[in-house]
């Protein structure tokens, strides 16, 4: 019923969602996958996956009652026309492991409630119109391997709490308007292979702690306002194949 209500709020529900009908199981709807879960002696089927990239969806996430979908583990709604904010109620998706909302028209702040999604491994919010600061609560998402916030209007500092995300392999906070210094705590992210911070207003020295990221292969830091010398510790990054520190 939560999915049907959301569908009813969409402007011109897309053809790909025409299979969403009350008299059929949601497990047979386009873009929906189900899984069986143990519930006493029964094993009911529940919605576990919403995958509708590039589906022509025009609507708001806030119209979807996330609390009715407690087993949802995967959402891909990239390349649609979602607008409005990311609702704080998304924090009720305790099983969510991957969230792709790229190439939409989302606005407002990244809700600090996302920090409650303890199972989250991938968070990609690129190419939206999000504003405000990166919430420090993202540092609670210790299962994250990919954190990508590219091409938005997000501002303020990089939270030092990001340094808790020791399983990260990709950290991309680029082409937004971050300011302040790169926190030394990013040196804790020793599994990183990509650290992308280009196109911001970051300042101060490049911290020598980045020399601890021995798996790093890609490091674009260009288009910022750094000062001071390039740290000698960068020579520790023997796997590096792409590095941009300054504009040509």
Protein backbone atom coordinates (compact mmCIF):
# COMPACT_ATOMS: atom_id res chain seq x y z
CA UNK A 1 0.00 0.00 0.00
CA UNK A 2 2.91 2.36 0.70
CA UNK A 3 4.23 1.86 -2.84
CA UNK A 4 0.80 2.29 -4.40
CA UNK A 5 0.28 5.52 -2.47
CA UNK A 6 3.66 6.83 -3.65
CA UNK A 7 2.85 5.90 -7.24
CA UNK A 8 -0.43 7.80 -6.99
CA UNK A 9 1.42 10.98 -5.98
CA UNK A 10 3.73 10.94 -9.01
CA UNK A 11 3.08 13.35 -11.86
CA UNK A 12 2.14 11.19 -14.86
CA UNK A 13 3.14 7.80 -13.39
CA UNK A 14 5.67 6.32 -15.80
CA UNK A 15 4.84 3.50 -18.18
CA UNK A 16 7.43 1.29 -16.52
CA UNK A 17 5.32 1.35 -13.36
CA UNK A 18 2.06 0.36 -15.06
CA UNK A 19 2.40 -3.11 -13.54
CA UNK A 20 1.94 -1.62 -10.08
CA UNK A 21 -1.65 -2.72 -9.50
CA UNK A 22 -3.52 -3.43 -6.27
CA UNK A 23 -4.70 -6.86 -7.45
CA UNK A 24 -1.18 -8.20 -8.12
CA UNK A 25 1.71 -9.01 -5.80
CA UNK A 26 4.31 -6.24 -5.57
CA UNK A 27 6.90 -9.00 -6.09
CA UNK A 28 5.70 -9.07 -9.72
CA UNK A 29 5.91 -5.29 -10.25
CA UNK A 30 8.55 -3.76 -12.48
CA UNK A 31 11.51 -2.50 -10.45
CA UNK A 32 10.55 -4.39 -7.30
CA UNK A 33 12.30 -7.46 -5.93
CA UNK A 34 11.23 -9.45 -2.89
CA UNK A 35 12.85 -11.86 -0.49
CA UNK A 36 11.51 -14.36 2.05
CA UNK A 37 12.05 -13.63 5.73
CA UNK A 38 11.52 -15.74 8.82
CA UNK A 39 8.48 -14.70 10.83
CA UNK A 40 7.67 -17.32 13.42
CA UNK A 41 6.81 -20.49 11.50
CA UNK A 42 6.07 -18.60 8.33
CA UNK A 43 8.38 -17.15 5.67
CA UNK A 44 6.47 -14.26 4.10
CA UNK A 45 7.77 -12.42 1.04
CA UNK A 46 8.72 -8.80 1.64
CA UNK A 47 9.93 -5.94 -0.56
CA UNK A 48 13.73 -5.84 -0.46
CA UNK A 49 14.76 -3.92 -3.58
CA UNK A 50 13.52 -0.87 -5.51
CA UNK A 51 15.46 -0.46 -8.76
CA UNK A 52 13.99 2.13 -11.13
CA UNK A 53 16.85 4.13 -12.65
CA UNK A 54 15.97 6.37 -15.59
CA UNK A 55 12.30 5.52 -15.24
CA UNK A 56 10.80 8.99 -15.81
CA UNK A 57 9.71 9.38 -12.18
CA UNK A 58 8.52 12.90 -11.29
CA UNK A 59 7.74 13.16 -7.60
CA UNK A 60 8.99 13.41 -4.04
CA UNK A 61 10.62 10.82 -1.80
CA UNK A 62 8.75 12.27 1.15
CA UNK A 63 5.52 10.76 -0.19
CA UNK A 64 6.91 7.24 0.30
CA UNK A 65 6.18 5.74 3.72
CA UNK A 66 9.56 4.18 4.44
CA UNK A 67 8.42 2.78 7.79
CA UNK A 68 6.17 0.37 5.87
CA UNK A 69 9.24 -1.13 4.11
CA UNK A 70 11.46 -2.32 7.00
CA UNK A 71 13.27 -4.96 4.92
CA UNK A 72 14.29 -2.65 2.08
CA UNK A 73 17.99 -3.22 1.40
CA UNK A 74 18.57 -1.56 -1.99
CA UNK A 75 17.25 1.63 -3.63
CA UNK A 76 18.29 2.89 -7.06
CA UNK A 77 16.24 5.88 -8.19
CA UNK A 78 19.03 7.56 -10.14
CA UNK A 79 18.44 9.57 -13.32
CA UNK A 80 14.86 10.54 -12.55
CA UNK A 81 13.16 13.84 -11.66
CA UNK A 82 12.82 13.49 -7.92
CA UNK A 83 12.49 16.89 -6.25
CA UNK A 84 12.11 18.21 -2.74
CA UNK A 85 14.14 17.06 0.26
CA UNK A 86 15.48 13.69 1.29
CA UNK A 87 13.04 12.93 4.12
CA UNK A 88 14.34 12.31 7.64
CA UNK A 89 12.04 9.27 7.75
CA UNK A 90 14.52 7.42 5.52
CA UNK A 91 16.27 6.61 8.81
CA UNK A 92 13.65 3.87 9.41
CA UNK A 93 15.27 1.69 6.71
CA UNK A 94 17.54 -0.17 9.12
CA UNK A 95 18.34 -2.90 6.52
CA UNK A 96 19.32 -0.48 3.74
CA UNK A 97 22.76 -1.25 2.30
CA UNK A 98 22.85 0.73 -0.98
CA UNK A 99 21.23 4.09 -1.81
CA UNK A 100 21.61 5.66 -5.25
CA UNK A 101 19.86 9.02 -5.78
CA UNK A 102 22.18 10.48 -8.44
CA UNK A 103 21.01 12.74 -11.28
CA UNK A 104 17.82 14.06 -9.71
CA UNK A 105 16.66 17.50 -8.53
CA UNK A 106 16.74 16.93 -4.79
CA UNK A 107 17.00 20.03 -2.61
CA UNK A 108 17.40 20.89 1.05
CA UNK A 109 19.98 19.52 3.46
CA UNK A 110 21.38 16.03 3.71
CA UNK A 111 19.39 14.86 6.75
CA UNK A 112 21.52 13.98 9.77
CA UNK A 113 19.13 11.07 10.30
CA UNK A 114 20.93 9.20 7.49
CA UNK A 115 23.57 8.53 10.15
CA UNK A 116 21.17 5.97 11.67
CA UNK A 117 21.44 3.66 8.62
CA UNK A 118 24.01 1.36 10.21
CA UNK A 119 23.86 -1.22 7.37
CA UNK A 120 24.60 1.31 4.61
CA UNK A 121 27.56 0.44 2.38
CA UNK A 122 26.99 2.79 -0.60
CA UNK A 123 25.64 6.35 -0.47
CA UNK A 124 25.63 8.25 -3.76
CA UNK A 125 23.91 11.67 -3.82
CA UNK A 126 25.72 13.16 -6.81
CA UNK A 127 24.25 15.60 -9.31
CA UNK A 128 21.46 17.11 -7.23
CA UNK A 129 20.82 20.53 -5.67
CA UNK A 130 21.48 19.65 -2.06
CA UNK A 131 22.63 22.44 0.26
CA UNK A 132 23.84 22.88 3.82
CA UNK A 133 26.69 21.08 5.53
CA UNK A 134 27.72 17.43 5.36
CA UNK A 135 26.27 16.05 8.61
CA UNK A 136 28.82 14.76 11.12
CA UNK A 137 26.44 11.83 11.72
CA UNK A 138 27.71 10.23 8.49
CA UNK A 139 30.70 9.23 10.63
CA UNK A 140 28.41 6.63 12.25
CA UNK A 141 28.09 4.69 8.97
CA UNK A 142 31.06 2.45 9.64
CA UNK A 143 30.02 -0.11 7.00
CA UNK A 144 30.31 2.44 4.17
CA UNK A 145 32.62 1.58 1.29
CA UNK A 146 31.45 4.34 -1.12
CA UNK A 147 30.55 7.90 -0.10
CA UNK A 148 29.92 10.09 -3.12
CA UNK A 149 28.58 13.66 -2.91
CA UNK A 150 29.59 15.27 -6.20
CA UNK A 151 28.12 18.28 -8.02
CA UNK A 152 25.80 19.74 -5.42
CA UNK A 153 25.66 23.02 -3.49
CA UNK A 154 26.85 21.54 -0.21
CA UNK A 155 29.11 23.86 1.82
CA UNK A 156 31.03 24.06 5.08
CA UNK A 157 33.86 21.87 6.34
CA UNK A 158 34.63 18.21 5.79
CA UNK A 159 33.54 16.68 9.11
CA UNK A 160 36.46 15.12 10.97
CA UNK A 161 34.06 12.27 11.81
CA UNK A 162 34.46 11.01 8.22
CA UNK A 163 37.77 9.62 9.49
CA UNK A 164 35.82 6.89 11.34
CA UNK A 165 34.75 5.29 8.05
CA UNK A 166 37.68 2.91 7.90
CA UNK A 167 36.03 0.65 5.30
CA UNK A 168 35.77 3.40 2.69
CA UNK A 169 37.35 2.65 -0.69
CA UNK A 170 35.83 5.68 -2.50
CA UNK A 171 35.40 9.13 -0.96
CA UNK A 172 34.27 11.72 -3.48
CA UNK A 173 33.35 15.17 -2.17
CA UNK A 174 34.00 17.16 -5.32
CA UNK A 175 32.55 20.10 -7.25
CA UNK A 176 30.65 21.38 -4.25
CA UNK A 177 31.65 24.39 -2.12
CA UNK A 178 33.42 22.87 0.86
CA UNK A 179 35.74 25.15 2.83
CA UNK A 180 38.27 24.89 5.61
CA UNK A 181 41.12 22.40 5.87
CA UNK A 182 41.30 18.74 4.95
CA UNK A 183 40.93 17.01 8.34
CA UNK A 184 43.93 14.96 9.40
CA UNK A 185 41.53 12.14 10.33
CA UNK A 186 41.23 11.24 6.64
CA UNK A 187 44.62 9.58 7.15
CA UNK A 188 42.70 6.82 9.00
CA UNK A 189 40.97 5.73 5.78
CA UNK A 190 43.67 3.28 4.81
CA UNK A 191 41.44 1.25 2.46
CA UNK A 192 40.82 4.24 0.14
CA UNK A 193 41.68 3.85 -3.53
CA UNK A 194 39.96 7.12 -4.58
CA UNK A 195 39.99 10.42 -2.69
CA UNK A 196 38.41 13.13 -4.81
CA UNK A 197 38.16 16.65 -3.35
CA UNK A 198 38.58 18.84 -6.44
CA UNK A 199 36.44 21.87 -7.22
CA UNK A 200 35.97 23.20 -3.69
CA UNK A 201 37.26 26.10 -1.59
CA UNK A 202 39.46 24.03 0.69
CA UNK A 203 42.47 25.84 2.15
CA UNK A 204 45.50 25.37 4.37
CA UNK A 205 48.17 22.73 3.87
CA UNK A 206 47.67 19.30 2.35
CA UNK A 207 47.99 17.11 5.47
CA UNK A 208 50.95 14.76 5.63
CA UNK A 209 48.59 12.11 7.05
CA UNK A 210 47.40 11.41 3.49
CA UNK A 211 50.72 9.59 3.06
CA UNK A 212 49.19 6.75 5.12
CA UNK A 213 46.69 5.94 2.37
CA UNK A 214 48.91 3.31 0.80
CA UNK A 215 46.14 1.85 -1.41
CA UNK A 216 45.33 5.22 -2.96
CA UNK A 217 45.32 5.26 -6.77
CA UNK A 218 43.36 8.42 -7.60
CA UNK A 219 43.87 11.77 -5.83
CA UNK A 220 42.40 14.87 -7.54
CA UNK A 221 42.75 17.87 -5.22
CA UNK A 222 42.88 20.59 -7.89
CA UNK A 223 40.70 23.73 -7.98
CA UNK A 224 41.05 24.55 -4.29
CA UNK A 225 42.99 27.18 -2.31
CA UNK A 226 45.71 25.11 -0.65
CA UNK A 227 48.89 26.67 0.66
CA UNK A 228 52.22 25.40 1.88
CA UNK A 229 54.47 22.67 0.51
CA UNK A 230 53.42 19.35 -0.99
CA UNK A 231 54.03 16.87 1.86
CA UNK A 232 56.91 14.49 1.27
CA UNK A 233 54.69 11.68 2.61
CA UNK A 234 52.85 11.67 -0.73
CA UNK A 235 55.81 9.68 -2.07
CA UNK A 236 54.62 6.75 0.08
CA UNK A 237 51.64 6.31 -2.25
CA UNK A 238 53.25 3.75 -4.53
CA UNK A 239 49.96 2.64 -6.12
CA UNK A 240 49.07 6.15 -7.28
CA UNK A 241 48.36 6.50 -11.00
CA UNK A 242 46.32 9.75 -11.09
CA UNK A 243 47.10 12.85 -9.06
CA UNK A 244 46.05 16.47 -9.62
CA UNK A 245 47.19 19.05 -7.08
CA UNK A 246 46.92 22.31 -9.05
CA UNK A 247 45.26 23.73 -12.12
CA UNK A 248 47.38 23.83 -15.27
